[in-house]
Amino acid sequence: MDSNSRIWLAISRLWLKPAFYTHIISAICTLVAIAIFIVNYKKVLQLKPIQLIEIFLLLAIAIAAHGKSHIMLEQQYGYDPIAYL
């Protein structure tokens, strides 16, 4: 079995699990936040240092939560997309 079919087999087992949808939504929201950050970088650079720290901390929390979701999906369902690379 090649790596693509193993990935799709793992996803087919997960698609009804709420944790999988939460993981996908987390990824989409984080990517949208990063895109908005990049598009508005000139405005972001004009913020006060404390506001920049708050933004980066919020981004760090979002990335950490998404990472924990990866760990949970791997432990509960055996879904580890990085192993297929």
C-alpha atoms as a PDB file:
ATOM      1  CA  MET A   1       0.000   0.000   0.000  1.00  0.00           C
ATOM      2  CA  ASP A   2       1.491   3.339  -1.029  1.00  0.00           C
ATOM      3  CA  SER A   3       1.569   6.372   1.238  1.00  0.00           C
ATOM      4  CA  ASN A   4      -1.332   8.163  -0.505  1.00  0.00           C
ATOM      5  CA  SER A   5      -3.714   5.267   0.010  1.00  0.00           C
ATOM      6  CA  ARG A   6      -2.632   4.976   3.668  1.00  0.00           C
ATOM      7  CA  ILE A   7      -3.368   8.672   4.178  1.00  0.00           C
ATOM      8  CA  TRP A   8      -6.822   8.379   2.603  1.00  0.00           C
ATOM      9  CA  LEU A   9      -7.561   5.241   4.620  1.00  0.00           C
ATOM     10  CA  ALA A  10      -6.705   7.085   7.828  1.00  0.00           C
ATOM     11  CA  ILE A  11      -8.810  10.085   6.791  1.00  0.00           C
ATOM     12  CA  SER A  12     -11.753   7.874   5.837  1.00  0.00           C
ATOM     13  CA  ARG A  13     -11.763   6.491   9.401  1.00  0.00           C
ATOM     14  CA  LEU A  14     -11.669   9.980  10.875  1.00  0.00           C
ATOM     15  CA  TRP A  15     -14.129  11.984   8.815  1.00  0.00           C
ATOM     16  CA  LEU A  16     -17.043  11.337  11.187  1.00  0.00           C
ATOM     17  CA  LYS A  17     -15.071  12.201  14.326  1.00  0.00           C
ATOM     18  CA  PRO A  18     -15.693  15.648  15.850  1.00  0.00           C
ATOM     19  CA  ALA A  19     -12.019  15.910  16.826  1.00  0.00           C
ATOM     20  CA  PHE A  20     -11.046  15.768  13.160  1.00  0.00           C
ATOM     21  CA  TYR A  21     -13.379  18.643  12.263  1.00  0.00           C
ATOM     22  CA  THR A  22     -12.081  20.663  15.201  1.00  0.00           C
ATOM     23  CA  HIS A  23      -8.539  20.047  13.989  1.00  0.00           C
ATOM     24  CA  ILE A  24      -9.368  21.184  10.445  1.00  0.00           C
ATOM     25  CA  ILE A  25     -11.208  24.295  11.675  1.00  0.00           C
ATOM     26  CA  SER A  26      -8.239  25.116  13.915  1.00  0.00           C
ATOM     27  CA  ALA A  27      -5.886  24.875  10.944  1.00  0.00           C
ATOM     28  CA  ILE A  28      -8.091  27.058   8.752  1.00  0.00           C
ATOM     29  CA  CYS A  29      -8.521  29.729  11.442  1.00  0.00           C
ATOM     30  CA  THR A  30      -4.791  29.834  12.137  1.00  0.00           C
ATOM     31  CA  LEU A  31      -3.985  30.160   8.441  1.00  0.00           C
ATOM     32  CA  VAL A  32      -6.560  32.931   8.005  1.00  0.00           C
ATOM     33  CA  ALA A  33      -5.116  34.792  10.998  1.00  0.00           C
ATOM     34  CA  ILE A  34      -1.603  34.506   9.568  1.00  0.00           C
ATOM     35  CA  ALA A  35      -2.837  35.690   6.154  1.00  0.00           C
ATOM     36  CA  ILE A  36      -4.562  38.719   7.704  1.00  0.00           C
ATOM     37  CA  PHE A  37      -1.401  39.429   9.675  1.00  0.00           C
ATOM     38  CA  ILE A  38       0.709  39.333   6.487  1.00  0.00           C
ATOM     39  CA  VAL A  39      -1.705  41.451   4.442  1.00  0.00           C
ATOM     40  CA  ASN A  40      -1.807  44.110   7.168  1.00  0.00           C
ATOM     41  CA  TYR A  41       1.829  43.961   8.200  1.00  0.00           C
ATOM     42  CA  LYS A  42       2.338  47.729   7.850  1.00  0.00           C
ATOM     43  CA  LYS A  43      -0.466  48.410  10.330  1.00  0.00           C
ATOM     44  CA  VAL A  44       0.782  45.636  12.600  1.00  0.00           C
ATOM     45  CA  LEU A  45       4.261  47.140  12.747  1.00  0.00           C
ATOM     46  CA  GLN A  46       2.762  50.445  13.929  1.00  0.00           C
ATOM     47  CA  LEU A  47       1.163  48.826  16.982  1.00  0.00           C
ATOM     48  CA  LYS A  48       2.519  49.362  20.475  1.00  0.00           C
ATOM     49  CA  PRO A  49       4.964  46.704  21.678  1.00  0.00           C
ATOM     50  CA  ILE A  50       2.497  45.328  24.222  1.00  0.00           C
ATOM     51  CA  GLN A  51      -0.104  44.857  21.466  1.00  0.00           C
ATOM     52  CA  LEU A  52       2.458  43.027  19.325  1.00  0.00           C
ATOM     53  CA  ILE A  53       3.243  40.759  22.252  1.00  0.00           C
ATOM     54  CA  GLU A  54      -0.465  40.024  22.699  1.00  0.00           C
ATOM     55  CA  ILE A  55      -0.850  39.163  19.014  1.00  0.00           C
ATOM     56  CA  PHE A  56       2.151  36.837  19.048  1.00  0.00           C
ATOM     57  CA  LEU A  57       0.983  35.166  22.245  1.00  0.00           C
ATOM     58  CA  LEU A  58      -2.455  34.557  20.732  1.00  0.00           C
ATOM     59  CA  LEU A  59      -0.816  33.087  17.655  1.00  0.00           C
ATOM     60  CA  ALA A  60       1.378  30.892  19.860  1.00  0.00           C
ATOM     61  CA  ILE A  61      -1.698  29.631  21.721  1.00  0.00           C
ATOM     62  CA  ALA A  62      -3.443  28.822  18.433  1.00  0.00           C
ATOM     63  CA  ILE A  63      -0.416  26.923  17.117  1.00  0.00           C
ATOM     64  CA  ALA A  64       0.009  25.049  20.411  1.00  0.00           C
ATOM     65  CA  ALA A  65      -3.667  24.047  20.459  1.00  0.00           C
ATOM     66  CA  HIS A  66      -3.378  22.795  16.894  1.00  0.00           C
ATOM     67  CA  GLY A  67      -0.263  20.827  17.840  1.00  0.00           C
ATOM     68  CA  LYS A  68      -2.069  19.236  20.775  1.00  0.00           C
ATOM     69  CA  SER A  69      -4.807  18.272  18.361  1.00  0.00           C
ATOM     70  CA  HIS A  70      -2.207  16.456  16.244  1.00  0.00           C
ATOM     71  CA  ILE A  71      -1.058  14.520  19.298  1.00  0.00           C
ATOM     72  CA  MET A  72      -4.619  13.631  20.314  1.00  0.00           C
ATOM     73  CA  LEU A  73      -5.530  12.453  16.827  1.00  0.00           C
ATOM     74  CA  GLU A  74      -2.418  10.289  16.711  1.00  0.00           C
ATOM     75  CA  GLN A  75      -3.026   8.755  20.139  1.00  0.00           C
ATOM     76  CA  GLN A  76      -6.760   8.162  19.735  1.00  0.00           C
ATOM     77  CA  TYR A  77      -7.077   7.262  16.078  1.00  0.00           C
ATOM     78  CA  GLY A  78      -3.563   6.466  14.839  1.00  0.00           C
ATOM     79  CA  TYR A  79      -3.666   9.426  12.467  1.00  0.00           C
ATOM     80  CA  ASP A  80      -0.142  10.740  11.917  1.00  0.00           C
ATOM     81  CA  PRO A  81       0.099  12.495   8.539  1.00  0.00           C
ATOM     82  CA  ILE A  82       3.779  13.363   9.080  1.00  0.00           C
ATOM     83  CA  ALA A  83       4.664   9.648   9.226  1.00  0.00           C
ATOM     84  CA  TYR A  84       3.405   9.277   5.650  1.00  0.00           C
ATOM     85  CA  LEU A  85       5.846  11.823   4.228  1.00  0.00           C
END
